[in-house]
């Protein structure tokens, strides 16, 4: 006895649902396998000098000299430069980005917000190398002429460029978090006699703090992992920066500048530099996961 049209339709739907589920699983496995292959390859290449060749990992992390021709590989100045650049850009970018998000979400009239919001988001679509070119053509000469520097490529130039680059992330994510705060919070605060600005800073921002913290962590990830823009404005000096006007070489810049011609132990040490950078990003992602979980609760 043949199946009825209804039974055939149900079987077809079941088959399509099962096929869709396996297709989604295949896509998920591609993502996981790709991540595992990248991590495995970087760690295998980066740990080889320390496991097979006997190089000291402590000397690698805390060494001050990076001279591949003399078999000296120390990344401490680069770690310090990366941390300084990231922290400095956060000090500038977070207040500007947060206040912009508050303005767009709470204060700006809708016609103005509809113009400014896409404009800020458009910054995220600009290639990073163009930020670097802008920094090299505008920010570097400005610093050189006004601060009396022999050259404007410096830590402060890196900080300014990274602060501009992180603005779209901070503004967009913070604005979304602020808009998600229930309207009743604002109404209750205003009913108690609190001013509009007081309501924003005492009620709305604390209620949206999880989303704002997520924006900060994401912008930190972009700042510490940026390469092309930093190469153009950093100056690439292998010293521990003691001033904002010092020329620096962050971790990402070191990898990008030397990987093209490196070989043997030199190349493996660049992969080890990548492990250090990956560790920073991993820590940031862990913090982001904790913040997101807390926000969900």
C-alpha atoms as a PDB file:
ATOM      1  CA  UNK A   1       0.000   0.000   0.000  1.00  0.00           C
ATOM      2  CA  UNK A   2       1.464   3.305  -1.087  1.00  0.00           C
ATOM      3  CA  UNK A   3       1.882   6.221   1.263  1.00  0.00           C
ATOM      4  CA  UNK A   4      -0.723   8.932   1.289  1.00  0.00           C
ATOM      5  CA  UNK A   5       0.147  12.462   0.082  1.00  0.00           C
ATOM      6  CA  UNK A   6       0.235  13.668   3.709  1.00  0.00           C
ATOM      7  CA  UNK A   7       2.686  10.922   4.722  1.00  0.00           C
ATOM      8  CA  UNK A   8       4.889  11.704   1.704  1.00  0.00           C
ATOM      9  CA  UNK A   9       4.901  15.385   2.658  1.00  0.00           C
ATOM     10  CA  UNK A  10       5.840  14.552   6.248  1.00  0.00           C
ATOM     11  CA  UNK A  11       8.669  12.266   5.099  1.00  0.00           C
ATOM     12  CA  UNK A  12       9.953  14.984   2.788  1.00  0.00           C
ATOM     13  CA  UNK A  13       9.906  17.521   5.619  1.00  0.00           C
ATOM     14  CA  UNK A  14      11.662  15.090   7.953  1.00  0.00           C
ATOM     15  CA  UNK A  15      14.347  14.410   5.342  1.00  0.00           C
ATOM     16  CA  UNK A  16      14.899  18.147   4.715  1.00  0.00           C
ATOM     17  CA  UNK A  17      15.107  18.872   8.452  1.00  0.00           C
ATOM     18  CA  UNK A  18      17.610  16.071   8.940  1.00  0.00           C
ATOM     19  CA  UNK A  19      19.643  17.254   5.952  1.00  0.00           C
ATOM     20  CA  UNK A  20      19.593  20.843   7.239  1.00  0.00           C
ATOM     21  CA  UNK A  21      20.751  19.715  10.662  1.00  0.00           C
ATOM     22  CA  UNK A  22      23.699  17.837   9.188  1.00  0.00           C
ATOM     23  CA  UNK A  23      24.596  20.792   6.984  1.00  0.00           C
ATOM     24  CA  UNK A  24      24.648  23.097  10.022  1.00  0.00           C
ATOM     25  CA  UNK A  25      26.755  20.548  11.880  1.00  0.00           C
ATOM     26  CA  UNK A  26      29.185  20.423   8.953  1.00  0.00           C
ATOM     27  CA  UNK A  27      29.507  24.228   8.980  1.00  0.00           C
ATOM     28  CA  UNK A  28      30.113  24.208  12.729  1.00  0.00           C
ATOM     29  CA  UNK A  29      32.763  21.500  12.382  1.00  0.00           C
ATOM     30  CA  UNK A  30      34.567  23.509   9.702  1.00  0.00           C
ATOM     31  CA  UNK A  31      34.819  26.456  12.099  1.00  0.00           C
ATOM     32  CA  UNK A  32      36.053  24.308  14.978  1.00  0.00           C
ATOM     33  CA  UNK A  33      38.518  22.335  12.849  1.00  0.00           C
ATOM     34  CA  UNK A  34      39.899  25.521  11.265  1.00  0.00           C
ATOM     35  CA  UNK A  35      40.459  27.028  14.705  1.00  0.00           C
ATOM     36  CA  UNK A  36      42.101  23.843  15.963  1.00  0.00           C
ATOM     37  CA  UNK A  37      44.415  23.655  12.936  1.00  0.00           C
ATOM     38  CA  UNK A  38      45.493  27.285  13.274  1.00  0.00           C
ATOM     39  CA  UNK A  39      46.141  26.990  17.012  1.00  0.00           C
ATOM     40  CA  UNK A  40      47.912  23.655  16.613  1.00  0.00           C
ATOM     41  CA  UNK A  41      50.152  24.928  13.808  1.00  0.00           C
ATOM     42  CA  UNK A  42      51.098  28.167  15.619  1.00  0.00           C
ATOM     43  CA  UNK A  43      51.825  26.395  18.900  1.00  0.00           C
ATOM     44  CA  UNK A  44      53.768  23.595  17.193  1.00  0.00           C
ATOM     45  CA  UNK A  45      56.000  26.041  15.342  1.00  0.00           C
ATOM     46  CA  UNK A  46      56.264  28.468  18.243  1.00  0.00           C
ATOM     47  CA  UNK A  47      57.121  25.932  20.940  1.00  0.00           C
ATOM     48  CA  UNK A  48      59.672  24.022  18.860  1.00  0.00           C
ATOM     49  CA  UNK A  49      62.664  26.241  19.822  1.00  0.00           C
ATOM     50  CA  UNK A  50      61.956  25.804  23.525  1.00  0.00           C
ATOM     51  CA  UNK A  51      61.184  22.069  23.433  1.00  0.00           C
ATOM     52  CA  UNK A  52      63.592  20.809  20.772  1.00  0.00           C
ATOM     53  CA  UNK A  53      66.391  23.388  20.704  1.00  0.00           C
ATOM     54  CA  UNK A  54      66.620  24.269  24.373  1.00  0.00           C
ATOM     55  CA  UNK A  55      65.949  28.008  24.197  1.00  0.00           C
ATOM     56  CA  UNK A  56      64.832  29.588  27.468  1.00  0.00           C
ATOM     57  CA  UNK A  57      61.218  30.729  27.472  1.00  0.00           C
ATOM     58  CA  UNK A  58      61.960  33.088  30.375  1.00  0.00           C
ATOM     59  CA  UNK A  59      64.754  34.757  28.384  1.00  0.00           C
ATOM     60  CA  UNK A  60      62.395  35.008  25.433  1.00  0.00           C
ATOM     61  CA  UNK A  61      59.686  36.753  27.447  1.00  0.00           C
ATOM     62  CA  UNK A  62      61.915  39.000  29.565  1.00  0.00           C
ATOM     63  CA  UNK A  63      64.851  39.505  27.191  1.00  0.00           C
ATOM     64  CA  UNK A  64      65.491  43.009  25.881  1.00  0.00           C
ATOM     65  CA  UNK A  65      67.464  42.144  22.740  1.00  0.00           C
ATOM     66  CA  UNK A  66      65.965  40.983  19.450  1.00  0.00           C
ATOM     67  CA  UNK A  67      68.925  40.285  17.139  1.00  0.00           C
ATOM     68  CA  UNK A  68      68.183  37.182  15.032  1.00  0.00           C
ATOM     69  CA  UNK A  69      71.645  37.281  13.405  1.00  0.00           C
ATOM     70  CA  UNK A  70      73.198  36.829  16.864  1.00  0.00           C
ATOM     71  CA  UNK A  71      70.642  34.260  18.007  1.00  0.00           C
ATOM     72  CA  UNK A  72      69.104  36.702  20.510  1.00  0.00           C
ATOM     73  CA  UNK A  73      65.334  36.664  20.812  1.00  0.00           C
ATOM     74  CA  UNK A  74      63.794  38.829  23.518  1.00  0.00           C
ATOM     75  CA  UNK A  75      60.286  40.281  23.179  1.00  0.00           C
ATOM     76  CA  UNK A  76      59.911  42.176  26.443  1.00  0.00           C
ATOM     77  CA  UNK A  77      60.167  45.646  24.806  1.00  0.00           C
ATOM     78  CA  UNK A  78      57.475  44.597  22.324  1.00  0.00           C
ATOM     79  CA  UNK A  79      55.186  43.323  25.078  1.00  0.00           C
ATOM     80  CA  UNK A  80      55.576  46.612  26.967  1.00  0.00           C
ATOM     81  CA  UNK A  81      54.946  48.608  23.782  1.00  0.00           C
ATOM     82  CA  UNK A  82      51.793  46.597  22.997  1.00  0.00           C
ATOM     83  CA  UNK A  83      50.452  47.041  26.535  1.00  0.00           C
ATOM     84  CA  UNK A  84      51.229  50.771  26.612  1.00  0.00           C
ATOM     85  CA  UNK A  85      49.620  51.299  23.217  1.00  0.00           C
ATOM     86  CA  UNK A  86      46.500  49.352  24.203  1.00  0.00           C
ATOM     87  CA  UNK A  87      46.083  51.047  27.594  1.00  0.00           C
ATOM     88  CA  UNK A  88      46.743  54.496  26.148  1.00  0.00           C
ATOM     89  CA  UNK A  89      44.235  54.036  23.342  1.00  0.00           C
ATOM     90  CA  UNK A  90      41.628  52.875  25.860  1.00  0.00           C
ATOM     91  CA  UNK A  91      42.191  55.966  28.004  1.00  0.00           C
ATOM     92  CA  UNK A  92      41.426  58.156  24.990  1.00  0.00           C
ATOM     93  CA  UNK A  93      38.939  56.025  23.081  1.00  0.00           C
ATOM     94  CA  UNK A  94      36.657  54.742  25.848  1.00  0.00           C
ATOM     95  CA  UNK A  95      35.445  58.134  27.191  1.00  0.00           C
ATOM     96  CA  UNK A  96      34.951  59.538  23.679  1.00  0.00           C
ATOM     97  CA  UNK A  97      33.183  56.394  22.476  1.00  0.00           C
ATOM     98  CA  UNK A  98      30.990  56.093  25.577  1.00  0.00           C
ATOM     99  CA  UNK A  99      29.921  59.746  25.521  1.00  0.00           C
ATOM    100  CA  UNK A 100      29.170  59.452  21.799  1.00  0.00           C
ATOM    101  CA  UNK A 101      27.020  56.368  22.458  1.00  0.00           C
ATOM    102  CA  UNK A 102      25.174  58.197  25.259  1.00  0.00           C
ATOM    103  CA  UNK A 103      24.551  61.151  22.962  1.00  0.00           C
ATOM    104  CA  UNK A 104      23.222  58.966  20.138  1.00  0.00           C
ATOM    105  CA  UNK A 105      21.039  56.789  22.359  1.00  0.00           C
ATOM    106  CA  UNK A 106      19.710  59.304  24.882  1.00  0.00           C
ATOM    107  CA  UNK A 107      20.180  62.922  23.861  1.00  0.00           C
ATOM    108  CA  UNK A 108      20.416  63.381  20.091  1.00  0.00           C
ATOM    109  CA  UNK A 109      17.207  64.072  18.148  1.00  0.00           C
ATOM    110  CA  UNK A 110      16.247  61.150  15.936  1.00  0.00           C
ATOM    111  CA  UNK A 111      17.122  62.872  12.603  1.00  0.00           C
ATOM    112  CA  UNK A 112      20.629  63.647  13.881  1.00  0.00           C
ATOM    113  CA  UNK A 113      21.077  60.170  15.371  1.00  0.00           C
ATOM    114  CA  UNK A 114      20.062  58.588  12.054  1.00  0.00           C
ATOM    115  CA  UNK A 115      22.886  60.491  10.356  1.00  0.00           C
ATOM    116  CA  UNK A 116      25.587  60.119  13.007  1.00  0.00           C
ATOM    117  CA  UNK A 117      25.060  56.420  13.801  1.00  0.00           C
ATOM    118  CA  UNK A 118      25.750  55.154  10.261  1.00  0.00           C
ATOM    119  CA  UNK A 119      28.652  57.592   9.997  1.00  0.00           C
ATOM    120  CA  UNK A 120      30.299  56.108  13.081  1.00  0.00           C
ATOM    121  CA  UNK A 121      29.614  52.565  11.907  1.00  0.00           C
ATOM    122  CA  UNK A 122      31.168  53.421   8.539  1.00  0.00           C
ATOM    123  CA  UNK A 123      34.507  53.838  10.320  1.00  0.00           C
ATOM    124  CA  UNK A 124      34.502  50.086  10.976  1.00  0.00           C
ATOM    125  CA  UNK A 125      34.461  49.430   7.222  1.00  0.00           C
ATOM    126  CA  UNK A 126      37.548  51.494   6.457  1.00  0.00           C
ATOM    127  CA  UNK A 127      40.613  49.245   5.876  1.00  0.00           C
ATOM    128  CA  UNK A 128      43.115  49.486   8.703  1.00  0.00           C
ATOM    129  CA  UNK A 129      45.929  50.434   6.337  1.00  0.00           C
ATOM    130  CA  UNK A 130      44.043  53.628   5.485  1.00  0.00           C
ATOM    131  CA  UNK A 131      44.006  54.565   9.168  1.00  0.00           C
ATOM    132  CA  UNK A 132      47.753  54.061   9.109  1.00  0.00           C
ATOM    133  CA  UNK A 133      48.150  56.213   6.012  1.00  0.00           C
ATOM    134  CA  UNK A 134      46.049  58.932   7.658  1.00  0.00           C
ATOM    135  CA  UNK A 135      48.210  58.705  10.766  1.00  0.00           C
ATOM    136  CA  UNK A 136      51.402  58.859   8.719  1.00  0.00           C
ATOM    137  CA  UNK A 137      50.224  61.809   6.618  1.00  0.00           C
ATOM    138  CA  UNK A 138      48.440  63.867   9.285  1.00  0.00           C
ATOM    139  CA  UNK A 139      49.113  62.754  12.871  1.00  0.00           C
ATOM    140  CA  UNK A 140      52.848  62.032  12.533  1.00  0.00           C
ATOM    141  CA  UNK A 141      53.737  65.428  10.944  1.00  0.00           C
ATOM    142  CA  UNK A 142      51.509  67.222  13.470  1.00  0.00           C
ATOM    143  CA  UNK A 143      53.311  65.594  16.407  1.00  0.00           C
ATOM    144  CA  UNK A 144      56.699  66.170  14.826  1.00  0.00           C
ATOM    145  CA  UNK A 145      56.069  69.882  14.249  1.00  0.00           C
ATOM    146  CA  UNK A 146      54.307  70.675  17.517  1.00  0.00           C
ATOM    147  CA  UNK A 147      56.335  68.549  19.937  1.00  0.00           C
ATOM    148  CA  UNK A 148      59.704  69.225  18.332  1.00  0.00           C
ATOM    149  CA  UNK A 149      60.423  65.559  17.681  1.00  0.00           C
ATOM    150  CA  UNK A 150      63.132  64.333  15.289  1.00  0.00           C
ATOM    151  CA  UNK A 151      60.400  62.097  13.840  1.00  0.00           C
ATOM    152  CA  UNK A 152      56.721  61.873  14.655  1.00  0.00           C
ATOM    153  CA  UNK A 153      56.476  58.082  14.475  1.00  0.00           C
ATOM    154  CA  UNK A 154      56.072  57.299  18.154  1.00  0.00           C
ATOM    155  CA  UNK A 155      54.036  55.647  20.874  1.00  0.00           C
ATOM    156  CA  UNK A 156      51.648  58.601  21.095  1.00  0.00           C
ATOM    157  CA  UNK A 157      50.973  58.348  17.347  1.00  0.00           C
ATOM    158  CA  UNK A 158      50.121  54.658  17.771  1.00  0.00           C
ATOM    159  CA  UNK A 159      47.812  55.468  20.688  1.00  0.00           C
ATOM    160  CA  UNK A 160      45.929  58.142  18.734  1.00  0.00           C
ATOM    161  CA  UNK A 161      45.472  55.933  15.660  1.00  0.00           C
ATOM    162  CA  UNK A 162      44.279  52.963  17.732  1.00  0.00           C
ATOM    163  CA  UNK A 163      41.901  55.203  19.708  1.00  0.00           C
ATOM    164  CA  UNK A 164      40.286  56.308  16.442  1.00  0.00           C
ATOM    165  CA  UNK A 165      40.092  52.727  15.177  1.00  0.00           C
ATOM    166  CA  UNK A 166      38.338  51.411  18.274  1.00  0.00           C
ATOM    167  CA  UNK A 167      35.624  54.093  18.272  1.00  0.00           C
ATOM    168  CA  UNK A 168      33.153  52.203  16.010  1.00  0.00           C
ATOM    169  CA  UNK A 169      33.236  49.135  18.283  1.00  0.00           C
ATOM    170  CA  UNK A 170      32.808  51.095  21.499  1.00  0.00           C
ATOM    171  CA  UNK A 171      30.091  53.373  20.119  1.00  0.00           C
ATOM    172  CA  UNK A 172      28.043  50.671  18.376  1.00  0.00           C
ATOM    173  CA  UNK A 173      28.087  48.075  21.169  1.00  0.00           C
ATOM    174  CA  UNK A 174      27.606  50.657  23.944  1.00  0.00           C
ATOM    175  CA  UNK A 175      24.754  52.324  22.095  1.00  0.00           C
ATOM    176  CA  UNK A 176      23.003  48.977  21.693  1.00  0.00           C
ATOM    177  CA  UNK A 177      23.468  48.210  25.398  1.00  0.00           C
ATOM    178  CA  UNK A 178      22.151  51.634  26.432  1.00  0.00           C
ATOM    179  CA  UNK A 179      19.078  51.355  24.194  1.00  0.00           C
ATOM    180  CA  UNK A 180      18.352  47.928  25.707  1.00  0.00           C
ATOM    181  CA  UNK A 181      17.873  49.413  29.198  1.00  0.00           C
ATOM    182  CA  UNK A 182      14.116  49.265  29.991  1.00  0.00           C
ATOM    183  CA  UNK A 183      12.269  52.549  29.633  1.00  0.00           C
ATOM    184  CA  UNK A 184      10.786  52.062  33.102  1.00  0.00           C
ATOM    185  CA  UNK A 185      14.235  52.649  34.629  1.00  0.00           C
ATOM    186  CA  UNK A 186      14.363  56.122  33.119  1.00  0.00           C
ATOM    187  CA  UNK A 187      10.766  56.932  33.977  1.00  0.00           C
ATOM    188  CA  UNK A 188      11.224  55.853  37.591  1.00  0.00           C
ATOM    189  CA  UNK A 189      14.353  57.952  37.988  1.00  0.00           C
ATOM    190  CA  UNK A 190      12.776  61.028  36.418  1.00  0.00           C
ATOM    191  CA  UNK A 191       9.667  60.578  38.583  1.00  0.00           C
ATOM    192  CA  UNK A 192      11.891  60.746  41.670  1.00  0.00           C
ATOM    193  CA  UNK A 193      13.169  64.140  40.575  1.00  0.00           C
ATOM    194  CA  UNK A 194      16.522  63.130  39.126  1.00  0.00           C
ATOM    195  CA  UNK A 195      17.637  65.233  36.161  1.00  0.00           C
ATOM    196  CA  UNK A 196      17.994  63.734  32.692  1.00  0.00           C
ATOM    197  CA  UNK A 197      21.802  63.798  32.849  1.00  0.00           C
ATOM    198  CA  UNK A 198      21.709  62.366  36.373  1.00  0.00           C
ATOM    199  CA  UNK A 199      19.435  59.569  35.163  1.00  0.00           C
ATOM    200  CA  UNK A 200      21.833  58.746  32.345  1.00  0.00           C
ATOM    201  CA  UNK A 201      24.919  58.514  34.554  1.00  0.00           C
ATOM    202  CA  UNK A 202      23.337  57.084  37.717  1.00  0.00           C
ATOM    203  CA  UNK A 203      20.740  54.716  36.259  1.00  0.00           C
ATOM    204  CA  UNK A 204      21.123  54.005  32.542  1.00  0.00           C
ATOM    205  CA  UNK A 205      24.904  53.538  32.301  1.00  0.00           C
ATOM    206  CA  UNK A 206      25.120  51.303  35.430  1.00  0.00           C
ATOM    207  CA  UNK A 207      22.260  49.203  34.025  1.00  0.00           C
ATOM    208  CA  UNK A 208      24.111  48.841  30.718  1.00  0.00           C
ATOM    209  CA  UNK A 209      27.527  48.221  32.246  1.00  0.00           C
ATOM    210  CA  UNK A 210      27.784  44.614  31.016  1.00  0.00           C
ATOM    211  CA  UNK A 211      27.363  45.668  27.400  1.00  0.00           C
ATOM    212  CA  UNK A 212      29.707  48.612  27.855  1.00  0.00           C
ATOM    213  CA  UNK A 213      32.368  46.358  29.368  1.00  0.00           C
ATOM    214  CA  UNK A 214      31.952  43.972  26.444  1.00  0.00           C
ATOM    215  CA  UNK A 215      32.550  46.913  24.080  1.00  0.00           C
ATOM    216  CA  UNK A 216      35.725  47.823  25.960  1.00  0.00           C
ATOM    217  CA  UNK A 217      37.050  44.262  25.851  1.00  0.00           C
ATOM    218  CA  UNK A 218      36.314  43.958  22.120  1.00  0.00           C
ATOM    219  CA  UNK A 219      38.070  47.247  21.425  1.00  0.00           C
ATOM    220  CA  UNK A 220      41.045  46.036  23.460  1.00  0.00           C
ATOM    221  CA  UNK A 221      41.218  42.977  21.240  1.00  0.00           C
ATOM    222  CA  UNK A 222      41.317  45.140  18.126  1.00  0.00           C
ATOM    223  CA  UNK A 223      43.929  47.476  19.599  1.00  0.00           C
ATOM    224  CA  UNK A 224      46.330  44.761  20.708  1.00  0.00           C
ATOM    225  CA  UNK A 225      45.957  42.814  17.447  1.00  0.00           C
ATOM    226  CA  UNK A 226      46.216  45.698  14.963  1.00  0.00           C
ATOM    227  CA  UNK A 227      49.152  45.477  12.560  1.00  0.00           C
ATOM    228  CA  UNK A 228      49.159  47.503   9.349  1.00  0.00           C
ATOM    229  CA  UNK A 229      48.148  50.854  10.819  1.00  0.00           C
ATOM    230  CA  UNK A 230      50.653  50.445  13.658  1.00  0.00           C
ATOM    231  CA  UNK A 231      53.551  49.626  11.318  1.00  0.00           C
ATOM    232  CA  UNK A 232      53.178  52.975   9.587  1.00  0.00           C
ATOM    233  CA  UNK A 233      53.159  55.167  12.713  1.00  0.00           C
ATOM    234  CA  UNK A 234      55.163  53.225  15.337  1.00  0.00           C
ATOM    235  CA  UNK A 235      58.715  53.853  14.143  1.00  0.00           C
ATOM    236  CA  UNK A 236      59.719  50.247  14.910  1.00  0.00           C
ATOM    237  CA  UNK A 237      62.501  50.810  17.455  1.00  0.00           C
ATOM    238  CA  UNK A 238      63.410  47.831  19.640  1.00  0.00           C
ATOM    239  CA  UNK A 239      63.521  49.684  22.962  1.00  0.00           C
ATOM    240  CA  UNK A 240      61.428  49.715  26.107  1.00  0.00           C
ATOM    241  CA  UNK A 241      59.431  52.955  25.803  1.00  0.00           C
ATOM    242  CA  UNK A 242      59.990  55.405  28.648  1.00  0.00           C
ATOM    243  CA  UNK A 243      58.131  58.300  27.010  1.00  0.00           C
ATOM    244  CA  UNK A 244      55.110  58.786  24.767  1.00  0.00           C
ATOM    245  CA  UNK A 245      57.434  60.234  22.143  1.00  0.00           C
ATOM    246  CA  UNK A 246      59.604  57.101  21.929  1.00  0.00           C
ATOM    247  CA  UNK A 247      59.563  55.012  18.776  1.00  0.00           C
ATOM    248  CA  UNK A 248      58.246  51.492  19.477  1.00  0.00           C
ATOM    249  CA  UNK A 249      57.727  48.073  17.916  1.00  0.00           C
ATOM    250  CA  UNK A 250      54.641  46.165  19.164  1.00  0.00           C
ATOM    251  CA  UNK A 251      54.279  42.385  18.887  1.00  0.00           C
ATOM    252  CA  UNK A 252      52.150  42.407  15.741  1.00  0.00           C
ATOM    253  CA  UNK A 253      54.560  44.740  13.966  1.00  0.00           C
ATOM    254  CA  UNK A 254      57.489  42.465  14.730  1.00  0.00           C
ATOM    255  CA  UNK A 255      55.750  39.483  13.130  1.00  0.00           C
ATOM    256  CA  UNK A 256      54.616  41.389  10.047  1.00  0.00           C
ATOM    257  CA  UNK A 257      57.990  43.019   9.380  1.00  0.00           C
ATOM    258  CA  UNK A 258      60.155  39.908   9.615  1.00  0.00           C
ATOM    259  CA  UNK A 259      58.018  36.913   8.687  1.00  0.00           C
ATOM    260  CA  UNK A 260      58.529  37.496   4.957  1.00  0.00           C
ATOM    261  CA  UNK A 261      62.247  36.701   5.037  1.00  0.00           C
ATOM    262  CA  UNK A 262      62.620  34.718   8.288  1.00  0.00           C
ATOM    263  CA  UNK A 263      63.673  31.067   8.276  1.00  0.00           C
ATOM    264  CA  UNK A 264      64.645  28.370  10.744  1.00  0.00           C
ATOM    265  CA  UNK A 265      64.831  29.411  14.381  1.00  0.00           C
ATOM    266  CA  UNK A 266      64.109  33.031  13.480  1.00  0.00           C
ATOM    267  CA  UNK A 267      60.792  32.046  11.916  1.00  0.00           C
ATOM    268  CA  UNK A 268      59.923  29.784  14.831  1.00  0.00           C
ATOM    269  CA  UNK A 269      60.576  32.621  17.278  1.00  0.00           C
ATOM    270  CA  UNK A 270      58.165  34.789  15.310  1.00  0.00           C
ATOM    271  CA  UNK A 271      55.568  32.065  15.768  1.00  0.00           C
ATOM    272  CA  UNK A 272      56.431  32.125  19.479  1.00  0.00           C
ATOM    273  CA  UNK A 273      55.715  35.858  19.401  1.00  0.00           C
ATOM    274  CA  UNK A 274      52.366  34.931  17.916  1.00  0.00           C
ATOM    275  CA  UNK A 275      51.754  32.618  20.879  1.00  0.00           C
ATOM    276  CA  UNK A 276      52.310  35.528  23.259  1.00  0.00           C
ATOM    277  CA  UNK A 277      49.897  37.647  21.247  1.00  0.00           C
ATOM    278  CA  UNK A 278      47.395  34.790  21.089  1.00  0.00           C
ATOM    279  CA  UNK A 279      47.591  34.438  24.871  1.00  0.00           C
ATOM    280  CA  UNK A 280      46.629  38.077  25.299  1.00  0.00           C
ATOM    281  CA  UNK A 281      43.665  37.672  22.945  1.00  0.00           C
ATOM    282  CA  UNK A 282      42.624  34.437  24.694  1.00  0.00           C
ATOM    283  CA  UNK A 283      42.595  36.183  28.055  1.00  0.00           C
ATOM    284  CA  UNK A 284      40.489  39.001  26.601  1.00  0.00           C
ATOM    285  CA  UNK A 285      37.996  36.519  25.130  1.00  0.00           C
ATOM    286  CA  UNK A 286      37.783  34.743  28.476  1.00  0.00           C
ATOM    287  CA  UNK A 287      37.042  38.039  30.188  1.00  0.00           C
ATOM    288  CA  UNK A 288      34.427  38.838  27.538  1.00  0.00           C
ATOM    289  CA  UNK A 289      32.731  35.464  28.083  1.00  0.00           C
ATOM    290  CA  UNK A 290      32.563  36.098  31.822  1.00  0.00           C
ATOM    291  CA  UNK A 291      31.141  39.578  31.278  1.00  0.00           C
ATOM    292  CA  UNK A 292      28.543  38.283  28.811  1.00  0.00           C
ATOM    293  CA  UNK A 293      27.533  35.502  31.204  1.00  0.00           C
ATOM    294  CA  UNK A 294      27.169  37.989  34.032  1.00  0.00           C
ATOM    295  CA  UNK A 295      25.118  40.280  31.826  1.00  0.00           C
ATOM    296  CA  UNK A 296      22.833  37.387  30.902  1.00  0.00           C
ATOM    297  CA  UNK A 297      22.252  36.540  34.541  1.00  0.00           C
END
